[in-house]
Amino acid sequence: MKLLRRTLIATAALVALGAQAAATVGQPAPDFTLKDTSGKTVRLSDFKGKHVVLEWTNPGCPFVKKHYDSGNMPTTQKHATGQGVVWLSINSTEKASSDYLEPAKLAAWKAERKSAPTAVLMDEEGTVGRSYGARTTPHMYIVNPQGHLIYAGGIDSIPSARPADIEKATNYVKVGLAEALAGKAISAATTAPYGCSIKYKSPA
């Protein structure tokens, strides 16, 4: 029941965020500057010339745990970075949320699961998440070397929190990257994200 409630909340978030301007596939990806979990400044524009994956994450979400505890997300990260792709994991959870982890604890959680992103970024104000229209955790995006958004949507094709479904699902990020790196257009450039609603800070 608790998981169902989280899913329903995420669905409601789709409606709420849908009314806001958000990044669109085919258009320039919004540039941003955030601190990573060690306090280093990271800018999206620093990676121009490379493919970049943006992954919205929250360790308190059962859907995120599915993909990390099973090893699926770390494996997908390593598959991507091994081909020269930059992977930025972004946490837009507000500090007041029970799901919020301080940067050091978030880094430790990722390390325990052998996560392998290029950087883990803190977006507690939710500015970057809202600029992309990120709605759920996980919510995935791919940016091409020219800085344009070429994929937005889910990690895979089966919207469940069951690890057993991973093997049966199509990993949209792996498929999309394979196509993009081969110089092809991504065949499924927009898919439905699924997961928990992002715990954004309420507007002032």
C-alpha atoms as a PDB file:
ATOM      1  CA  MET A   1       0.000   0.000   0.000  1.00  0.00           C
ATOM      2  CA  LYS A   2       2.846   2.371   0.834  1.00  0.00           C
ATOM      3  CA  LEU A   3       4.480   1.662  -2.527  1.00  0.00           C
ATOM      4  CA  LEU A   4       1.162   2.203  -4.299  1.00  0.00           C
ATOM      5  CA  ARG A   5       0.788   5.545  -2.538  1.00  0.00           C
ATOM      6  CA  ARG A   6       4.265   6.600  -3.665  1.00  0.00           C
ATOM      7  CA  THR A   7       3.403   5.614  -7.226  1.00  0.00           C
ATOM      8  CA  LEU A   8       0.144   7.558  -7.138  1.00  0.00           C
ATOM      9  CA  ILE A   9       1.995  10.577  -5.790  1.00  0.00           C
ATOM     10  CA  ALA A  10       4.465  10.266  -8.647  1.00  0.00           C
ATOM     11  CA  THR A  11       1.590  10.180 -11.121  1.00  0.00           C
ATOM     12  CA  ALA A  12       0.160  13.331  -9.578  1.00  0.00           C
ATOM     13  CA  ALA A  13       3.571  14.938  -9.901  1.00  0.00           C
ATOM     14  CA  LEU A  14       3.465  14.292 -13.629  1.00  0.00           C
ATOM     15  CA  VAL A  15       0.361  16.425 -13.857  1.00  0.00           C
ATOM     16  CA  ALA A  16       1.736  19.185 -11.624  1.00  0.00           C
ATOM     17  CA  LEU A  17       5.063  19.455 -13.418  1.00  0.00           C
ATOM     18  CA  GLY A  18       3.475  19.065 -16.829  1.00  0.00           C
ATOM     19  CA  ALA A  19       2.147  22.598 -16.538  1.00  0.00           C
ATOM     20  CA  GLN A  20       5.679  23.967 -16.133  1.00  0.00           C
ATOM     21  CA  ALA A  21       8.137  24.633 -18.936  1.00  0.00           C
ATOM     22  CA  ALA A  22      10.528  21.719 -19.199  1.00  0.00           C
ATOM     23  CA  ALA A  23      13.387  20.537 -21.363  1.00  0.00           C
ATOM     24  CA  THR A  24      12.231  19.054 -24.659  1.00  0.00           C
ATOM     25  CA  VAL A  25      13.864  16.361 -26.766  1.00  0.00           C
ATOM     26  CA  GLY A  26      15.457  17.966 -29.804  1.00  0.00           C
ATOM     27  CA  GLN A  27      16.060  21.267 -28.007  1.00  0.00           C
ATOM     28  CA  PRO A  28      19.180  22.504 -26.163  1.00  0.00           C
ATOM     29  CA  ALA A  29      19.543  20.893 -22.733  1.00  0.00           C
ATOM     30  CA  PRO A  30      19.392  23.520 -19.965  1.00  0.00           C
ATOM     31  CA  ASP A  31      22.899  24.227 -18.709  1.00  0.00           C
ATOM     32  CA  PHE A  32      23.449  24.060 -14.964  1.00  0.00           C
ATOM     33  CA  THR A  33      26.050  24.333 -12.241  1.00  0.00           C
ATOM     34  CA  LEU A  34      25.846  22.133  -9.137  1.00  0.00           C
ATOM     35  CA  LYS A  35      28.123  20.890  -6.368  1.00  0.00           C
ATOM     36  CA  ASP A  36      28.991  17.217  -6.200  1.00  0.00           C
ATOM     37  CA  THR A  37      29.015  15.258  -2.938  1.00  0.00           C
ATOM     38  CA  SER A  38      32.604  16.341  -2.260  1.00  0.00           C
ATOM     39  CA  GLY A  39      31.810  20.036  -2.807  1.00  0.00           C
ATOM     40  CA  LYS A  40      33.358  20.306  -6.275  1.00  0.00           C
ATOM     41  CA  THR A  41      31.567  22.520  -8.814  1.00  0.00           C
ATOM     42  CA  VAL A  42      30.303  20.668 -11.882  1.00  0.00           C
ATOM     43  CA  ARG A  43      28.841  22.329 -14.985  1.00  0.00           C
ATOM     44  CA  LEU A  44      26.983  20.511 -17.718  1.00  0.00           C
ATOM     45  CA  SER A  45      28.675  22.726 -20.315  1.00  0.00           C
ATOM     46  CA  ASP A  46      32.066  21.389 -19.189  1.00  0.00           C
ATOM     47  CA  PHE A  47      31.174  18.143 -20.960  1.00  0.00           C
ATOM     48  CA  LYS A  48      30.244  19.584 -24.336  1.00  0.00           C
ATOM     49  CA  GLY A  49      31.605  17.273 -27.016  1.00  0.00           C
ATOM     50  CA  LYS A  50      30.546  14.160 -25.094  1.00  0.00           C
ATOM     51  CA  HIS A  51      27.321  12.269 -24.594  1.00  0.00           C
ATOM     52  CA  VAL A  52      25.960  12.861 -21.092  1.00  0.00           C
ATOM     53  CA  VAL A  53      23.422  10.813 -19.139  1.00  0.00           C
ATOM     54  CA  LEU A  54      21.449  12.592 -16.409  1.00  0.00           C
ATOM     55  CA  GLU A  55      19.905  10.316 -13.782  1.00  0.00           C
ATOM     56  CA  TRP A  56      17.552  11.654 -11.109  1.00  0.00           C
ATOM     57  CA  THR A  57      17.931   9.585  -7.969  1.00  0.00           C
ATOM     58  CA  ASN A  58      16.718   9.196  -4.377  1.00  0.00           C
ATOM     59  CA  PRO A  59      17.990   6.306  -2.205  1.00  0.00           C
ATOM     60  CA  GLY A  60      14.735   6.361  -0.208  1.00  0.00           C
ATOM     61  CA  CYS A  61      12.673   5.365  -3.243  1.00  0.00           C
ATOM     62  CA  PRO A  62      11.824   1.647  -3.735  1.00  0.00           C
ATOM     63  CA  PHE A  63      12.165   2.016  -7.511  1.00  0.00           C
ATOM     64  CA  VAL A  64      15.674   3.424  -7.121  1.00  0.00           C
ATOM     65  CA  LYS A  65      16.550   0.654  -4.664  1.00  0.00           C
ATOM     66  CA  LYS A  66      15.333  -1.899  -7.223  1.00  0.00           C
ATOM     67  CA  HIS A  67      17.839  -0.707  -9.785  1.00  0.00           C
ATOM     68  CA  TYR A  68      20.730  -0.193  -7.352  1.00  0.00           C
ATOM     69  CA  ASP A  69      20.373  -3.181  -5.023  1.00  0.00           C
ATOM     70  CA  SER A  70      20.071  -5.485  -8.046  1.00  0.00           C
ATOM     71  CA  GLY A  71      23.177  -3.950  -9.599  1.00  0.00           C
ATOM     72  CA  ASN A  72      21.285  -2.824 -12.691  1.00  0.00           C
ATOM     73  CA  MET A  73      21.957   0.906 -12.387  1.00  0.00           C
ATOM     74  CA  PRO A  74      25.659   0.526 -11.507  1.00  0.00           C
ATOM     75  CA  THR A  75      26.083  -1.901 -14.412  1.00  0.00           C
ATOM     76  CA  THR A  76      24.366   0.525 -16.788  1.00  0.00           C
ATOM     77  CA  GLN A  77      26.578   3.344 -15.492  1.00  0.00           C
ATOM     78  CA  LYS A  78      29.759   1.326 -16.070  1.00  0.00           C
ATOM     79  CA  HIS A  79      28.556   0.283 -19.522  1.00  0.00           C
ATOM     80  CA  ALA A  80      28.089   3.954 -20.402  1.00  0.00           C
ATOM     81  CA  THR A  81      31.221   5.447 -18.860  1.00  0.00           C
ATOM     82  CA  GLY A  82      33.295   2.634 -20.353  1.00  0.00           C
ATOM     83  CA  GLN A  83      32.386   4.065 -23.748  1.00  0.00           C
ATOM     84  CA  GLY A  84      33.388   7.598 -22.836  1.00  0.00           C
ATOM     85  CA  VAL A  85      29.903   8.732 -21.811  1.00  0.00           C
ATOM     86  CA  VAL A  86      29.595  11.141 -18.866  1.00  0.00           C
ATOM     87  CA  TRP A  87      27.058  10.061 -16.226  1.00  0.00           C
ATOM     88  CA  LEU A  88      25.703  12.625 -13.771  1.00  0.00           C
ATOM     89  CA  SER A  89      23.500  11.352 -10.956  1.00  0.00           C
ATOM     90  CA  ILE A  90      21.358  14.177  -9.531  1.00  0.00           C
ATOM     91  CA  ASN A  91      19.492  14.264  -6.220  1.00  0.00           C
ATOM     92  CA  SER A  92      16.806  16.974  -6.100  1.00  0.00           C
ATOM     93  CA  THR A  93      15.364  15.846  -2.751  1.00  0.00           C
ATOM     94  CA  GLU A  94      14.774  18.825  -0.461  1.00  0.00           C
ATOM     95  CA  LYS A  95      16.554  18.945   2.892  1.00  0.00           C
ATOM     96  CA  ALA A  96      13.277  18.801   4.852  1.00  0.00           C
ATOM     97  CA  SER A  97      12.328  15.423   3.353  1.00  0.00           C
ATOM     98  CA  SER A  98      12.798  12.229   5.360  1.00  0.00           C
ATOM     99  CA  ASP A  99      14.433  10.813   2.218  1.00  0.00           C
ATOM    100  CA  TYR A 100      17.164  13.463   2.163  1.00  0.00           C
ATOM    101  CA  LEU A 101      20.737  12.314   2.697  1.00  0.00           C
ATOM    102  CA  GLU A 102      23.630  14.637   3.433  1.00  0.00           C
ATOM    103  CA  PRO A 103      26.226  14.603   0.630  1.00  0.00           C
ATOM    104  CA  ALA A 104      28.652  12.321   2.481  1.00  0.00           C
ATOM    105  CA  LYS A 105      25.905   9.820   3.321  1.00  0.00           C
ATOM    106  CA  LEU A 106      24.614   9.879  -0.244  1.00  0.00           C
ATOM    107  CA  ALA A 107      28.126   9.224  -1.540  1.00  0.00           C
ATOM    108  CA  ALA A 108      28.515   6.342   0.926  1.00  0.00           C
ATOM    109  CA  TRP A 109      25.159   4.837  -0.120  1.00  0.00           C
ATOM    110  CA  LYS A 110      26.248   4.936  -3.756  1.00  0.00           C
ATOM    111  CA  ALA A 111      29.680   3.495  -2.973  1.00  0.00           C
ATOM    112  CA  GLU A 112      28.189   0.592  -1.021  1.00  0.00           C
ATOM    113  CA  ARG A 113      26.293  -0.392  -4.168  1.00  0.00           C
ATOM    114  CA  LYS A 114      29.346   0.023  -6.397  1.00  0.00           C
ATOM    115  CA  SER A 115      27.740   2.922  -8.219  1.00  0.00           C
ATOM    116  CA  ALA A 116      29.945   4.339 -10.965  1.00  0.00           C
ATOM    117  CA  PRO A 117      28.675   7.735 -12.162  1.00  0.00           C
ATOM    118  CA  THR A 118      31.048  10.474 -13.241  1.00  0.00           C
ATOM    119  CA  ALA A 119      29.634  12.605 -10.409  1.00  0.00           C
ATOM    120  CA  VAL A 120      26.792  12.653  -7.874  1.00  0.00           C
ATOM    121  CA  LEU A 121      25.271  16.131  -7.739  1.00  0.00           C
ATOM    122  CA  MET A 122      23.212  17.914  -5.085  1.00  0.00           C
ATOM    123  CA  ASP A 123      20.167  19.930  -6.223  1.00  0.00           C
ATOM    124  CA  GLU A 124      18.392  20.526  -2.896  1.00  0.00           C
ATOM    125  CA  GLU A 125      16.676  23.674  -4.191  1.00  0.00           C
ATOM    126  CA  GLY A 126      15.250  21.656  -7.084  1.00  0.00           C
ATOM    127  CA  THR A 127      16.172  24.296  -9.651  1.00  0.00           C
ATOM    128  CA  VAL A 128      17.832  21.911 -12.080  1.00  0.00           C
ATOM    129  CA  GLY A 129      15.236  19.191 -11.657  1.00  0.00           C
ATOM    130  CA  ARG A 130      12.432  21.612 -12.419  1.00  0.00           C
ATOM    131  CA  SER A 131      14.277  23.036 -15.437  1.00  0.00           C
ATOM    132  CA  TYR A 132      14.309  19.553 -16.948  1.00  0.00           C
ATOM    133  CA  GLY A 133      10.812  18.657 -15.831  1.00  0.00           C
ATOM    134  CA  ALA A 134      12.220  15.711 -13.863  1.00  0.00           C
ATOM    135  CA  ARG A 135       9.265  14.020 -12.187  1.00  0.00           C
ATOM    136  CA  THR A 136      10.274  10.684 -10.772  1.00  0.00           C
ATOM    137  CA  THR A 137      13.200   8.774  -9.369  1.00  0.00           C
ATOM    138  CA  PRO A 138      14.631   7.450 -11.506  1.00  0.00           C
ATOM    139  CA  HIS A 139      14.080   9.832 -14.445  1.00  0.00           C
ATOM    140  CA  MET A 140      16.635   9.597 -17.233  1.00  0.00           C
ATOM    141  CA  TYR A 141      17.929  11.988 -19.888  1.00  0.00           C
ATOM    142  CA  ILE A 142      20.611  11.792 -22.582  1.00  0.00           C
ATOM    143  CA  VAL A 143      22.359  14.884 -23.946  1.00  0.00           C
ATOM    144  CA  ASN A 144      24.353  14.682 -27.188  1.00  0.00           C
ATOM    145  CA  PRO A 145      27.826  16.177 -27.791  1.00  0.00           C
ATOM    146  CA  GLN A 146      26.231  19.300 -29.286  1.00  0.00           C
ATOM    147  CA  GLY A 147      24.333  19.915 -26.054  1.00  0.00           C
ATOM    148  CA  HIS A 148      20.888  18.881 -27.291  1.00  0.00           C
ATOM    149  CA  LEU A 149      18.526  16.609 -25.398  1.00  0.00           C
ATOM    150  CA  ILE A 150      18.065  13.355 -27.340  1.00  0.00           C
ATOM    151  CA  TYR A 151      16.328  11.143 -24.769  1.00  0.00           C
ATOM    152  CA  ALA A 152      13.937  11.708 -21.871  1.00  0.00           C
ATOM    153  CA  GLY A 153      12.039   9.067 -19.933  1.00  0.00           C
ATOM    154  CA  GLY A 154      12.316   5.870 -17.951  1.00  0.00           C
ATOM    155  CA  ILE A 155      15.283   3.626 -17.299  1.00  0.00           C
ATOM    156  CA  ASP A 156      13.434   0.701 -18.819  1.00  0.00           C
ATOM    157  CA  SER A 157      10.152  -0.622 -20.186  1.00  0.00           C
ATOM    158  CA  ILE A 158       8.600  -2.331 -17.141  1.00  0.00           C
ATOM    159  CA  PRO A 159       7.293   0.156 -14.524  1.00  0.00           C
ATOM    160  CA  SER A 160       7.577  -1.915 -11.377  1.00  0.00           C
ATOM    161  CA  ALA A 161       9.654  -2.071  -8.205  1.00  0.00           C
ATOM    162  CA  ARG A 162      10.292  -5.805  -8.679  1.00  0.00           C
ATOM    163  CA  PRO A 163      13.938  -6.695  -9.409  1.00  0.00           C
ATOM    164  CA  ALA A 164      12.735  -9.824 -11.221  1.00  0.00           C
ATOM    165  CA  ASP A 165      11.350  -7.614 -13.988  1.00  0.00           C
ATOM    166  CA  ILE A 166      14.716  -6.099 -14.897  1.00  0.00           C
ATOM    167  CA  GLU A 167      15.885  -9.005 -17.037  1.00  0.00           C
ATOM    168  CA  LYS A 168      12.636  -8.954 -19.036  1.00  0.00           C
ATOM    169  CA  ALA A 169      12.675  -5.197 -19.600  1.00  0.00           C
ATOM    170  CA  THR A 170      14.202  -3.147 -22.410  1.00  0.00           C
ATOM    171  CA  ASN A 171      16.854  -0.855 -20.939  1.00  0.00           C
ATOM    172  CA  TYR A 172      16.024   2.360 -22.784  1.00  0.00           C
ATOM    173  CA  VAL A 173      19.245   4.079 -21.742  1.00  0.00           C
ATOM    174  CA  LYS A 174      21.499   1.284 -23.012  1.00  0.00           C
ATOM    175  CA  VAL A 175      19.582   1.039 -26.277  1.00  0.00           C
ATOM    176  CA  GLY A 176      19.475   4.804 -26.725  1.00  0.00           C
ATOM    177  CA  LEU A 177      23.192   5.197 -26.078  1.00  0.00           C
ATOM    178  CA  ALA A 178      24.036   2.379 -28.487  1.00  0.00           C
ATOM    179  CA  GLU A 179      22.053   4.111 -31.210  1.00  0.00           C
ATOM    180  CA  ALA A 180      23.443   7.561 -30.430  1.00  0.00           C
ATOM    181  CA  LEU A 181      27.049   6.373 -30.303  1.00  0.00           C
ATOM    182  CA  ALA A 182      26.523   4.678 -33.667  1.00  0.00           C
ATOM    183  CA  GLY A 183      25.433   8.008 -35.110  1.00  0.00           C
ATOM    184  CA  LYS A 184      21.771   7.030 -35.327  1.00  0.00           C
ATOM    185  CA  ALA A 185      18.677   8.793 -34.033  1.00  0.00           C
ATOM    186  CA  ILE A 186      17.300   7.228 -30.851  1.00  0.00           C
ATOM    187  CA  SER A 187      14.306   5.128 -31.886  1.00  0.00           C
ATOM    188  CA  ALA A 188      12.433   5.668 -28.606  1.00  0.00           C
ATOM    189  CA  ALA A 189      13.508   9.227 -27.784  1.00  0.00           C
ATOM    190  CA  THR A 190      10.681   9.852 -25.319  1.00  0.00           C
ATOM    191  CA  THR A 191       9.272   7.240 -22.946  1.00  0.00           C
ATOM    192  CA  ALA A 192       7.219   7.299 -19.755  1.00  0.00           C
ATOM    193  CA  PRO A 193       9.296   7.692 -16.588  1.00  0.00           C
ATOM    194  CA  TYR A 194       8.222   5.715 -13.546  1.00  0.00           C
ATOM    195  CA  GLY A 195       9.116   5.747  -9.873  1.00  0.00           C
ATOM    196  CA  CYS A 196       8.561   7.883  -6.781  1.00  0.00           C
ATOM    197  CA  SER A 197       7.742  11.559  -7.041  1.00  0.00           C
ATOM    198  CA  ILE A 198      10.739  13.827  -6.581  1.00  0.00           C
ATOM    199  CA  LYS A 199      10.588  15.431  -3.141  1.00  0.00           C
ATOM    200  CA  TYR A 200      10.976  18.997  -4.358  1.00  0.00           C
ATOM    201  CA  LYS A 201      11.282  21.980  -2.054  1.00  0.00           C
ATOM    202  CA  SER A 202       8.017  23.909  -2.051  1.00  0.00           C
ATOM    203  CA  PRO A 203       8.198  27.223  -3.934  1.00  0.00           C
ATOM    204  CA  ALA A 204       8.691  30.206  -1.614  1.00  0.00           C
END
